[in-house]
Amino acid sequence: MTYNVKNLPFNQKMALAGIGTVVLGSISFAVFWIMAVFPSVPFLPIGRTAGSLLAALLMILFRVINPSQAYAAIDLPILALLFATMVVSVYLEKAHLFRHLRRLLSWKSSGGRDLLVRLSLISAVSSALFTNDTACIVLTEFVLDFTGRLDLPPLPFLLALASSANIGSSATPIGNPQNLVIAIQSKIPFGKFLIGILPAMLVGVGVNTAFILCMFWRSLSPLKKRDDVESALPDQQPAAAAETGAEAEHKFSPARMSHVSTPEVEVEGERSDSFSPARMSNPAEEEEVAPENGGNGDVEKQGKDDEGEKMNKSRGRRRAMLLKWSVYVVTAGMLAALLAGLDMPWTAITAAIVLVVVDFRDAGPCLEKVSYSLLIFFSGMFITVDGFNKTGIPSVFWNLMEPSARVNRASGLALLSIVILLLSNLASNVPTVLLLGSQVAKSAAEISPSEVDKAWLILAWVSTVAGNFSLLGSAANLIVCEQARRSERHGYNLSFWKHLQFGIPSTLIVAAIGLPLIRG
């Protein structure tokens, strides 16, 4: 793919805006940053979503940008793709895909080290296909359960789950929010994005897993025979019990937002949001008929009622199975279409609508699981970052650093990676991508048009791996931390410092090893 440098944003060196615009724009962005990093500050405990809207409103009230510019700053394709992928993931949950992932984790396992390697691979692959937040939501409780049953330390498994989810999500545009932004802004096709980062992702997951094994080798020594391990894993619980816990709490969370559980209503032993036979039968056919005759007539009628009930249940099971396979087929078709290079937002929206139609029920309960607060958070962030860009501060900062941060030199690549890593942990990875993306692409285009895609992919790789640096680096980390802390049966406190001892060396090593493997 070739780029015309003149068409890239910030193609000219911007000077600082007027002093009033710089000061007021900086204040507005500071409000956004404080609320994004510390959403419950005592003087304004309104949360990240409201904080994002407040910062966007201040940009308009302070006349850093006007209302028309604010509307134009909201990137609808990104919001559409984010919404559609959340809907598809909800239907995959209803089809019990994540239960199958847990079964794969427990199948013929041979101990703690084997389980940690499997967990890392499953977390990485599922994050690439269904977002890192989703993988962490559905696997955290399972991890706590089997570590408790096998008397294994939870810490290495929780670290492996969160860090592998972050690394794995770097491989695809739908793996995490910052990749969505990069894919839409860069117009890199899904297949090229995948091929460009996949080698770095695979090596990164392997190195990260090996690092955790070295840190916790003794505590992960095999304590039980294979048969004992398999019988102890929670996958052996009844199906109804297997659907409780993290999977029943699945609701998407804004970047760096703690997970909010959503209790489900039980219907005849089945969750109300799953494809279950109890919900597939026709209610009209299940109504009880008052007996009119006694004696043999009642016995005969009871027999017919039992037979009818069995037929209804059989039809319900067939329909449930058909709907589950429909979800899998539609999702596979969506991934194939993305790989073929079709428009990503509309492809995902088409898959989501097809699933709603195939389900043939009121879509309200499923759509309620979509985190609209995340979409609002992104809208406010788009406006805030656009306003901050108009102050000229990001451009001045980049113009000072750009001569030493070119992607065609090892020293420049190292400096650029350090800046991305630090900004991703200070201002969060999505704002970092919004602030630096077009600047990095413009710098690469001045070297060679062929370097532009590589520059975007480097930004995707480093900003994503940077999420492992500290506990606050990504939403996936916080989801694992909060769910582990709130677990009723196996509560565990994953502290900031415990994570930091692992996060700093792992992030630096994985990011450095992956950079030479990125292909534009």
Protein backbone atom coordinates (compact mmCIF):
# COMPACT_ATOMS: atom_id res chain seq x y z
CA MET A 1 0.00 0.00 0.00
CA THR A 2 1.38 3.41 -0.91
CA TYR A 3 0.61 6.72 0.72
CA ASN A 4 0.65 10.29 -0.48
CA VAL A 5 2.44 12.27 2.19
CA LYS A 6 0.31 15.31 1.47
CA ASN A 7 -2.83 13.39 2.44
CA LEU A 8 -1.53 12.47 5.88
CA PRO A 9 -2.58 14.63 8.82
CA PHE A 10 0.02 16.99 10.29
CA ASN A 11 2.03 16.97 7.08
CA GLN A 12 3.28 20.45 7.91
CA LYS A 13 5.18 21.47 10.99
CA MET A 14 2.61 23.07 13.26
CA ALA A 15 3.55 25.89 15.58
CA LEU A 16 1.93 26.35 18.94
CA ALA A 17 -1.51 27.93 18.92
CA GLY A 18 -2.26 31.10 20.86
CA ILE A 19 -1.39 31.09 24.56
CA GLY A 20 -5.06 30.99 25.55
CA THR A 21 -5.77 27.97 23.35
CA VAL A 22 -2.66 26.18 24.62
CA VAL A 23 -3.48 26.76 28.28
CA LEU A 24 -7.19 25.96 28.08
CA GLY A 25 -6.65 22.98 25.78
CA SER A 26 -4.01 21.61 28.16
CA ILE A 27 -6.38 22.02 31.12
CA SER A 28 -9.09 20.12 29.27
CA PHE A 29 -6.70 17.32 28.34
CA ALA A 30 -5.40 17.21 31.93
CA VAL A 31 -8.98 16.65 33.12
CA PHE A 32 -9.30 13.75 30.68
CA TRP A 33 -5.97 12.25 31.78
CA ILE A 34 -6.76 12.50 35.50
CA MET A 35 -10.17 10.91 35.06
CA ALA A 36 -8.77 8.16 32.81
CA VAL A 37 -6.00 7.20 35.23
CA PHE A 38 -7.73 8.01 38.54
CA PRO A 39 -11.49 7.68 37.92
CA SER A 40 -12.44 7.92 41.60
CA VAL A 41 -10.50 10.99 42.69
CA PRO A 42 -12.12 12.45 45.84
CA PHE A 43 -12.75 15.89 44.33
CA LEU A 44 -14.53 14.51 41.23
CA PRO A 45 -15.55 10.82 41.54
CA ILE A 46 -17.56 10.69 38.32
CA GLY A 47 -15.73 7.85 36.53
CA ARG A 48 -13.91 7.60 33.22
CA THR A 49 -16.86 7.83 30.85
CA ALA A 50 -18.26 11.01 32.39
CA GLY A 51 -14.72 12.37 32.70
CA SER A 52 -14.20 11.85 28.97
CA LEU A 53 -17.41 13.76 28.18
CA LEU A 54 -16.45 16.54 30.61
CA ALA A 55 -13.08 17.01 28.92
CA ALA A 56 -14.73 17.07 25.48
CA LEU A 57 -17.24 19.67 26.69
CA LEU A 58 -14.44 21.84 28.10
CA MET A 59 -12.69 21.76 24.72
CA ILE A 60 -15.83 23.25 23.18
CA LEU A 61 -16.63 25.72 25.99
CA PHE A 62 -13.05 26.98 25.96
CA ARG A 63 -13.33 27.36 22.14
CA VAL A 64 -10.33 25.17 21.48
CA ILE A 65 -12.56 23.53 18.87
CA ASN A 66 -16.05 24.40 17.68
CA PRO A 67 -19.07 22.06 17.72
CA SER A 68 -18.72 21.18 14.03
CA GLN A 69 -15.09 20.16 14.55
CA ALA A 70 -16.12 18.12 17.58
CA TYR A 71 -18.68 16.17 15.56
CA ALA A 72 -16.12 15.61 12.80
CA ALA A 73 -13.56 14.32 15.34
CA ILE A 74 -15.77 11.35 16.29
CA ASP A 75 -14.63 8.41 14.21
CA LEU A 76 -17.83 6.53 13.36
CA PRO A 77 -16.13 3.56 11.61
CA ILE A 78 -14.18 2.79 14.79
CA LEU A 79 -17.30 3.01 16.96
CA ALA A 80 -19.23 0.83 14.51
CA LEU A 81 -16.53 -1.84 14.45
CA LEU A 82 -16.23 -1.79 18.23
CA PHE A 83 -20.00 -2.11 18.68
CA ALA A 84 -20.32 -4.95 16.16
CA THR A 85 -17.45 -7.01 17.61
CA MET A 86 -19.01 -6.73 21.07
CA VAL A 87 -22.36 -8.00 19.74
CA VAL A 88 -20.67 -10.94 17.98
CA SER A 89 -18.79 -11.84 21.18
CA VAL A 90 -22.07 -11.83 23.15
CA TYR A 91 -23.56 -14.39 20.75
CA LEU A 92 -20.38 -16.48 20.90
CA GLU A 93 -20.80 -16.57 24.65
CA LYS A 94 -24.41 -17.71 24.23
CA ALA A 95 -23.13 -20.49 21.97
CA HIS A 96 -20.79 -21.66 24.78
CA LEU A 97 -17.62 -21.18 22.75
CA PHE A 98 -15.73 -20.11 25.85
CA ARG A 99 -16.78 -23.24 27.72
CA HIS A 100 -15.09 -25.23 24.94
CA LEU A 101 -11.92 -23.18 25.46
CA ARG A 102 -11.92 -24.14 29.13
CA ARG A 103 -12.35 -27.79 28.21
CA LEU A 104 -9.38 -27.51 25.87
CA LEU A 105 -7.34 -26.09 28.72
CA SER A 106 -8.13 -29.05 31.00
CA TRP A 107 -7.91 -31.88 28.45
CA LYS A 108 -5.19 -34.42 29.41
CA SER A 109 -3.30 -31.86 31.45
CA SER A 110 -0.14 -33.04 33.21
CA GLY A 111 0.46 -30.43 35.90
CA GLY A 112 1.11 -26.78 36.68
CA ARG A 113 3.71 -26.05 34.00
CA ASP A 114 1.64 -27.70 31.29
CA LEU A 115 -1.45 -25.78 32.40
CA LEU A 116 0.42 -22.46 32.34
CA VAL A 117 1.66 -23.05 28.78
CA ARG A 118 -1.84 -24.02 27.62
CA LEU A 119 -3.38 -21.04 29.37
CA SER A 120 -0.93 -18.67 27.67
CA LEU A 121 -1.67 -20.07 24.20
CA ILE A 122 -5.45 -20.16 24.66
CA SER A 123 -5.49 -16.66 26.13
CA ALA A 124 -3.40 -15.29 23.25
CA VAL A 125 -5.40 -16.91 20.44
CA SER A 126 -8.81 -16.10 21.93
CA SER A 127 -7.72 -12.48 22.51
CA ALA A 128 -6.68 -12.09 18.90
CA LEU A 129 -10.11 -13.29 17.73
CA PHE A 130 -12.46 -12.03 20.46
CA THR A 131 -10.57 -9.13 22.20
CA ASN A 132 -8.30 -9.35 25.23
CA ASP A 133 -10.98 -8.11 27.64
CA THR A 134 -13.31 -10.95 26.65
CA ALA A 135 -10.63 -13.60 27.16
CA CYS A 136 -9.80 -12.29 30.63
CA ILE A 137 -13.45 -12.01 31.65
CA VAL A 138 -14.32 -15.60 30.79
CA LEU A 139 -11.10 -17.28 31.98
CA THR A 140 -10.18 -15.56 35.26
CA GLU A 141 -12.66 -17.40 37.50
CA PHE A 142 -11.72 -20.69 35.85
CA VAL A 143 -8.03 -20.03 36.56
CA LEU A 144 -8.76 -19.30 40.22
CA ASP A 145 -10.88 -22.44 40.47
CA PHE A 146 -8.32 -24.90 39.12
CA THR A 147 -5.40 -23.33 41.03
CA GLY A 148 -7.40 -23.71 44.22
CA ARG A 149 -8.31 -27.32 43.48
CA LEU A 150 -4.75 -28.28 42.50
CA ASP A 151 -3.09 -26.30 45.29
CA LEU A 152 -1.15 -24.19 42.78
CA PRO A 153 -0.17 -20.51 43.29
CA PRO A 154 -2.63 -18.21 41.47
CA LEU A 155 -0.07 -15.47 40.74
CA PRO A 156 1.79 -17.03 37.77
CA PHE A 157 -1.47 -18.10 36.13
CA LEU A 158 -3.11 -14.69 36.53
CA LEU A 159 0.01 -13.02 35.14
CA ALA A 160 0.07 -15.47 32.23
CA LEU A 161 -3.62 -14.89 31.49
CA ALA A 162 -3.43 -11.09 31.43
CA SER A 163 -0.05 -10.72 29.73
CA SER A 164 -0.72 -13.35 27.06
CA ALA A 165 -4.10 -11.75 26.35
CA ASN A 166 -2.40 -8.39 25.78
CA ILE A 167 0.34 -9.84 23.56
CA GLY A 168 -2.08 -12.04 21.61
CA SER A 169 -4.49 -9.17 20.96
CA SER A 170 -1.76 -7.32 19.02
CA ALA A 171 -2.07 -9.71 16.06
CA THR A 172 -5.43 -8.55 14.67
CA PRO A 173 -7.33 -5.27 14.24
CA ILE A 174 -10.17 -6.63 16.40
CA GLY A 175 -7.91 -7.74 19.25
CA ASN A 176 -8.02 -4.47 21.20
CA PRO A 177 -9.29 -0.87 20.86
CA GLN A 178 -5.98 0.71 19.83
CA ASN A 179 -5.63 -1.78 16.98
CA LEU A 180 -9.12 -0.83 15.81
CA VAL A 181 -8.01 2.80 15.66
CA ILE A 182 -4.82 1.92 13.79
CA ALA A 183 -6.57 -0.36 11.30
CA ILE A 184 -9.19 2.27 10.43
CA GLN A 185 -6.78 5.20 10.22
CA SER A 186 -4.05 3.34 8.33
CA LYS A 187 -6.44 1.38 6.07
CA ILE A 188 -4.20 -1.68 6.43
CA PRO A 189 -6.20 -4.78 5.35
CA PHE A 190 -7.01 -7.36 8.02
CA GLY A 191 -4.85 -10.04 6.39
CA LYS A 192 -1.82 -7.79 6.02
CA PHE A 193 -2.19 -6.62 9.61
CA LEU A 194 -2.29 -10.24 10.79
CA ILE A 195 0.69 -11.37 8.71
CA GLY A 196 2.72 -8.32 9.73
CA ILE A 197 2.43 -8.87 13.49
CA LEU A 198 1.73 -12.61 13.83
CA PRO A 199 5.43 -13.70 13.97
CA ALA A 200 6.17 -11.14 16.69
CA MET A 201 3.05 -12.18 18.58
CA LEU A 202 3.89 -15.90 18.53
CA VAL A 203 7.50 -15.34 19.60
CA GLY A 204 6.37 -12.80 22.19
CA VAL A 205 3.89 -15.20 23.78
CA GLY A 206 6.56 -17.92 23.86
CA VAL A 207 9.16 -15.64 25.47
CA ASN A 208 6.65 -14.27 27.96
CA THR A 209 5.54 -17.78 28.94
CA ALA A 210 9.15 -18.93 29.33
CA PHE A 211 9.86 -15.90 31.52
CA ILE A 212 6.94 -16.75 33.83
CA LEU A 213 8.03 -20.40 33.99
CA CYS A 214 11.54 -19.34 35.01
CA MET A 215 10.17 -17.02 37.70
CA PHE A 216 7.87 -19.66 39.21
CA TRP A 217 9.50 -22.95 38.17
CA ARG A 218 9.65 -24.49 41.65
CA SER A 219 6.12 -23.54 42.67
CA LEU A 220 4.77 -25.01 39.42
CA SER A 221 6.35 -28.43 39.93
CA PRO A 222 3.94 -31.34 39.20
CA LEU A 223 2.09 -32.25 42.39
CA LYS A 224 -0.41 -34.75 41.01
CA LYS A 225 -0.70 -37.43 38.41
CA ARG A 226 -2.46 -36.66 35.15
CA ASP A 227 -5.66 -38.47 36.16
CA ASP A 228 -5.75 -36.54 39.43
CA VAL A 229 -5.27 -33.25 37.59
CA GLU A 230 -8.09 -33.96 35.15
CA SER A 231 -10.50 -34.96 37.89
CA ALA A 232 -9.66 -31.87 39.92
CA LEU A 233 -10.22 -29.35 37.13
CA PRO A 234 -13.58 -27.53 37.28
CA ASP A 235 -14.48 -28.56 33.74
CA GLN A 236 -15.76 -31.78 35.28
CA GLN A 237 -18.61 -29.93 36.93
CA PRO A 238 -22.14 -30.26 35.55
CA ALA A 239 -22.91 -28.14 32.53
CA ALA A 240 -25.28 -25.88 34.42
CA ALA A 241 -22.63 -25.11 36.99
CA ALA A 242 -20.01 -24.54 34.32
CA GLU A 243 -22.02 -21.63 32.96
CA THR A 244 -21.88 -19.67 36.17
CA GLY A 245 -19.06 -17.42 37.29
CA ALA A 246 -17.10 -15.23 34.94
CA GLU A 247 -18.97 -16.29 31.80
CA ALA A 248 -22.27 -15.30 33.39
CA GLU A 249 -20.81 -11.88 34.20
CA HIS A 250 -19.65 -11.04 30.71
CA LYS A 251 -20.04 -7.37 30.01
CA PHE A 252 -17.60 -5.25 28.08
CA SER A 253 -15.66 -2.56 29.89
CA PRO A 254 -14.16 0.75 28.76
CA ALA A 255 -10.40 1.03 28.60
CA ARG A 256 -9.02 0.76 32.12
CA MET A 257 -12.51 0.35 33.57
CA SER A 258 -13.10 -2.25 36.22
CA HIS A 259 -15.43 -5.06 35.28
CA VAL A 260 -19.11 -4.74 36.22
CA SER A 261 -20.98 -7.94 36.75
CA THR A 262 -24.47 -8.43 35.38
CA PRO A 263 -26.43 -11.15 37.12
CA GLU A 264 -28.55 -13.30 34.87
CA VAL A 265 -32.03 -14.69 35.44
CA GLU A 266 -32.26 -18.46 35.79
CA VAL A 267 -34.95 -20.24 33.76
CA GLU A 268 -35.49 -23.94 34.49
CA GLY A 269 -31.84 -24.45 35.38
CA GLU A 270 -30.57 -22.60 32.27
CA ARG A 271 -29.23 -19.09 31.90
CA SER A 272 -31.71 -16.82 30.19
CA ASP A 273 -29.15 -15.62 27.64
CA SER A 274 -28.02 -19.02 26.37
CA PHE A 275 -29.29 -21.24 23.54
CA SER A 276 -31.07 -23.77 25.76
CA PRO A 277 -33.80 -26.28 24.92
CA ALA A 278 -35.97 -24.86 27.71
CA ARG A 279 -36.17 -21.60 25.78
CA MET A 280 -36.58 -23.11 22.33
CA SER A 281 -39.91 -24.85 22.78
CA ASN A 282 -43.21 -23.18 22.01
CA PRO A 283 -44.77 -21.81 25.22
CA ALA A 284 -48.24 -22.27 23.77
CA GLU A 285 -47.61 -25.98 23.39
CA GLU A 286 -46.46 -26.28 27.00
CA GLU A 287 -49.59 -24.91 28.65
CA GLU A 288 -51.25 -27.35 30.97
CA VAL A 289 -54.76 -28.44 30.07
CA ALA A 290 -57.19 -28.84 32.93
CA PRO A 291 -58.42 -32.42 33.22
CA GLU A 292 -62.01 -32.98 32.15
CA ASN A 293 -62.33 -36.73 32.67
CA GLY A 294 -61.17 -38.90 35.49
CA GLY A 295 -59.83 -42.42 35.69
CA ASN A 296 -58.28 -43.86 32.57
CA GLY A 297 -58.87 -40.62 30.69
CA ASP A 298 -56.51 -38.76 33.04
CA VAL A 299 -53.83 -41.45 32.65
CA GLU A 300 -54.13 -41.36 28.87
CA LYS A 301 -54.01 -37.55 28.81
CA GLN A 302 -51.00 -37.56 31.12
CA GLY A 303 -49.24 -39.96 28.79
CA LYS A 304 -49.96 -37.74 25.81
CA ASP A 305 -48.75 -34.69 27.75
CA ASP A 306 -45.49 -36.47 28.63
CA GLU A 307 -45.00 -37.50 25.02
CA GLY A 308 -45.69 -33.97 23.82
CA GLU A 309 -43.25 -32.56 26.36
CA LYS A 310 -40.55 -34.94 25.16
CA MET A 311 -41.18 -33.90 21.56
CA ASN A 312 -40.99 -30.22 22.53
CA LYS A 313 -37.71 -30.79 24.34
CA SER A 314 -36.32 -32.71 21.37
CA ARG A 315 -37.27 -29.89 19.01
CA GLY A 316 -35.78 -27.39 21.42
CA ARG A 317 -32.49 -29.26 21.56
CA ARG A 318 -32.30 -29.44 17.77
CA ARG A 319 -33.03 -25.73 17.41
CA ALA A 320 -30.50 -24.85 20.10
CA MET A 321 -27.84 -26.91 18.35
CA LEU A 322 -28.72 -25.31 15.00
CA LEU A 323 -28.41 -21.82 16.48
CA LYS A 324 -25.05 -22.63 18.09
CA TRP A 325 -23.61 -23.87 14.84
CA SER A 326 -25.10 -20.87 13.04
CA VAL A 327 -23.17 -18.59 15.38
CA TYR A 328 -19.93 -20.46 14.68
CA VAL A 329 -20.50 -20.41 10.91
CA VAL A 330 -21.39 -16.71 10.83
CA THR A 331 -18.35 -15.83 12.94
CA ALA A 332 -16.08 -17.91 10.71
CA GLY A 333 -17.60 -16.17 7.69
CA MET A 334 -16.92 -12.77 9.25
CA LEU A 335 -13.25 -13.66 9.84
CA ALA A 336 -12.95 -14.98 6.28
CA ALA A 337 -14.46 -11.77 4.90
CA LEU A 338 -12.07 -9.68 6.99
CA LEU A 339 -9.13 -11.71 5.71
CA ALA A 340 -10.41 -11.18 2.16
CA GLY A 341 -10.06 -7.43 2.67
CA LEU A 342 -13.72 -6.39 2.88
CA ASP A 343 -14.64 -3.24 4.78
CA MET A 344 -14.09 -4.11 8.44
CA PRO A 345 -16.87 -2.08 10.15
CA TRP A 346 -19.59 -3.13 7.71
CA THR A 347 -18.42 -6.75 7.69
CA ALA A 348 -18.67 -6.90 11.49
CA ILE A 349 -22.04 -5.11 11.49
CA THR A 350 -23.38 -7.56 8.91
CA ALA A 351 -22.28 -10.52 11.06
CA ALA A 352 -23.89 -8.98 14.14
CA ILE A 353 -27.23 -8.35 12.38
CA VAL A 354 -27.26 -11.84 10.86
CA LEU A 355 -26.80 -13.32 14.35
CA VAL A 356 -29.64 -11.19 15.70
CA VAL A 357 -31.95 -12.39 12.89
CA VAL A 358 -30.89 -16.04 13.21
CA ASP A 359 -31.55 -15.96 16.96
CA PHE A 360 -35.16 -15.01 16.07
CA ARG A 361 -35.85 -13.51 19.50
CA ASP A 362 -35.95 -10.08 21.04
CA ALA A 363 -32.35 -8.85 20.81
CA GLY A 364 -32.75 -6.55 23.81
CA PRO A 365 -31.10 -8.83 26.41
CA CYS A 366 -28.08 -9.36 24.13
CA LEU A 367 -27.74 -5.71 23.20
CA GLU A 368 -27.89 -4.77 26.88
CA LYS A 369 -24.56 -6.56 27.33
CA VAL A 370 -22.86 -4.14 24.94
CA SER A 371 -20.95 -1.50 26.88
CA TYR A 372 -22.43 1.71 25.56
CA SER A 373 -20.37 3.54 28.16
CA LEU A 374 -17.30 2.37 26.23
CA LEU A 375 -18.65 3.90 23.01
CA ILE A 376 -19.39 7.16 24.85
CA PHE A 377 -15.92 7.07 26.41
CA PHE A 378 -14.37 6.76 22.94
CA SER A 379 -16.52 9.59 21.55
CA GLY A 380 -15.40 11.97 24.28
CA MET A 381 -11.80 10.85 23.87
CA PHE A 382 -11.86 11.52 20.10
CA ILE A 383 -13.03 15.09 20.72
CA THR A 384 -10.56 15.68 23.55
CA VAL A 385 -7.54 14.38 21.65
CA ASP A 386 -8.51 16.35 18.53
CA GLY A 387 -8.71 19.50 20.64
CA PHE A 388 -5.34 18.80 22.25
CA ASN A 389 -3.82 18.29 18.79
CA LYS A 390 -5.06 21.75 17.80
CA THR A 391 -3.02 23.34 20.60
CA GLY A 392 0.08 22.35 18.65
CA ILE A 393 1.75 20.72 21.67
CA PRO A 394 1.87 17.17 20.21
CA SER A 395 3.30 18.48 16.93
CA VAL A 396 5.98 20.55 18.63
CA PHE A 397 6.95 17.59 20.81
CA TRP A 398 7.12 15.31 17.78
CA ASN A 399 9.11 17.81 15.70
CA LEU A 400 11.74 17.94 18.44
CA MET A 401 11.94 14.16 18.72
CA GLU A 402 11.34 13.07 15.11
CA PRO A 403 14.91 13.40 13.74
CA SER A 404 16.09 10.92 16.41
CA ALA A 405 13.09 8.57 16.22
CA ARG A 406 13.01 7.38 12.61
CA VAL A 407 11.95 3.78 12.07
CA ASN A 408 14.74 3.03 9.58
CA ARG A 409 17.46 3.23 12.27
CA ALA A 410 17.87 0.97 15.28
CA SER A 411 18.50 3.90 17.62
CA GLY A 412 15.47 5.74 16.27
CA LEU A 413 13.29 2.66 16.59
CA ALA A 414 14.43 2.18 20.19
CA LEU A 415 13.68 5.80 21.09
CA LEU A 416 10.27 5.68 19.41
CA SER A 417 9.41 2.46 21.25
CA ILE A 418 10.38 3.95 24.61
CA VAL A 419 8.22 7.02 23.98
CA ILE A 420 5.24 4.87 22.95
CA LEU A 421 5.72 2.60 25.97
CA LEU A 422 5.88 5.48 28.44
CA LEU A 423 2.98 7.42 26.92
CA SER A 424 0.85 4.26 26.79
CA ASN A 425 1.24 3.84 30.54
CA LEU A 426 0.91 7.53 31.38
CA ALA A 427 -1.96 8.50 29.07
CA SER A 428 -3.32 5.03 28.13
CA ASN A 429 -2.64 3.29 24.83
CA VAL A 430 -5.62 4.52 22.78
CA PRO A 431 -4.92 8.26 23.34
CA THR A 432 -1.25 7.53 22.61
CA VAL A 433 -2.18 6.02 19.25
CA LEU A 434 -4.47 8.94 18.46
CA LEU A 435 -1.75 11.47 19.36
CA LEU A 436 1.20 9.79 17.66
CA GLY A 437 -0.31 7.71 14.85
CA SER A 438 -0.42 10.20 12.02
CA GLN A 439 2.87 11.77 13.12
CA VAL A 440 4.68 8.44 13.01
CA ALA A 441 3.11 7.60 9.62
CA LYS A 442 4.13 10.97 8.17
CA SER A 443 7.72 10.52 9.36
CA ALA A 444 7.87 7.04 7.82
CA ALA A 445 6.40 8.30 4.53
CA GLU A 446 9.21 10.86 4.25
CA ILE A 447 11.69 7.97 4.41
CA SER A 448 9.82 5.72 1.98
CA PRO A 449 6.12 5.08 1.26
CA SER A 450 6.79 1.39 1.87
CA GLU A 451 7.73 2.16 5.48
CA VAL A 452 4.33 3.59 6.39
CA ASP A 453 2.52 0.31 7.07
CA LYS A 454 5.49 -0.94 9.08
CA ALA A 455 5.40 2.21 11.21
CA TRP A 456 1.69 1.71 11.96
CA LEU A 457 2.30 -1.95 12.89
CA ILE A 458 5.22 -1.00 15.16
CA LEU A 459 2.90 1.44 16.90
CA ALA A 460 0.29 -1.32 17.29
CA TRP A 461 2.86 -3.79 18.65
CA VAL A 462 4.56 -1.52 21.18
CA SER A 463 1.38 0.22 22.41
CA THR A 464 -0.23 -3.18 23.01
CA VAL A 465 2.73 -4.90 24.67
CA ALA A 466 3.11 -1.75 26.81
CA GLY A 467 -0.08 -2.86 28.55
CA ASN A 468 1.98 -5.46 30.42
CA PHE A 469 4.32 -2.85 31.91
CA SER A 470 2.14 -2.10 34.94
CA LEU A 471 -1.20 -3.13 36.37
CA LEU A 472 -2.73 0.12 35.07
CA GLY A 473 -1.38 -0.45 31.55
CA SER A 474 -4.47 -2.15 30.11
CA ALA A 475 -8.09 -2.95 30.87
CA ALA A 476 -7.30 -6.66 30.67
CA ASN A 477 -4.94 -6.35 33.66
CA LEU A 478 -7.57 -4.59 35.73
CA ILE A 479 -10.26 -7.09 34.78
CA VAL A 480 -8.09 -9.98 35.99
CA CYS A 481 -7.12 -8.07 39.15
CA GLU A 482 -10.68 -7.06 40.06
CA GLN A 483 -12.26 -10.44 39.34
CA ALA A 484 -9.55 -12.22 41.33
CA ARG A 485 -10.04 -9.87 44.26
CA ARG A 486 -13.85 -10.23 44.23
CA SER A 487 -13.93 -14.00 43.81
CA GLU A 488 -16.03 -15.48 46.63
CA ARG A 489 -14.41 -18.93 46.66
CA HIS A 490 -10.80 -18.19 45.67
CA GLY A 491 -10.18 -14.50 46.29
CA TYR A 492 -6.65 -13.31 45.49
CA ASN A 493 -5.08 -9.84 45.60
CA LEU A 494 -2.91 -9.18 42.55
CA SER A 495 -1.15 -6.07 43.81
CA PHE A 496 0.43 -3.30 41.75
CA TRP A 497 3.95 -4.19 42.95
CA LYS A 498 3.59 -7.92 42.32
CA HIS A 499 2.62 -7.16 38.77
CA LEU A 500 5.35 -4.53 38.33
CA GLN A 501 8.12 -6.98 39.30
CA PHE A 502 7.04 -9.14 36.39
CA GLY A 503 5.78 -6.43 34.04
CA ILE A 504 8.87 -4.27 33.61
CA PRO A 505 11.35 -6.97 32.50
CA SER A 506 8.74 -8.93 30.53
CA THR A 507 7.53 -5.88 28.59
CA LEU A 508 11.03 -4.69 27.70
CA ILE A 509 12.17 -8.15 26.59
CA VAL A 510 9.04 -9.02 24.60
CA ALA A 511 8.83 -5.61 22.89
CA ALA A 512 12.50 -5.68 21.92
CA ILE A 513 12.39 -9.25 20.57
CA GLY A 514 9.23 -8.59 18.57
CA LEU A 515 10.32 -5.35 16.85
CA PRO A 516 12.68 -6.98 14.29
CA LEU A 517 9.91 -9.44 13.37
CA ILE A 518 7.38 -6.76 12.36
CA ARG A 519 6.80 -6.74 8.60
CA GLY A 520 4.99 -3.92 6.82
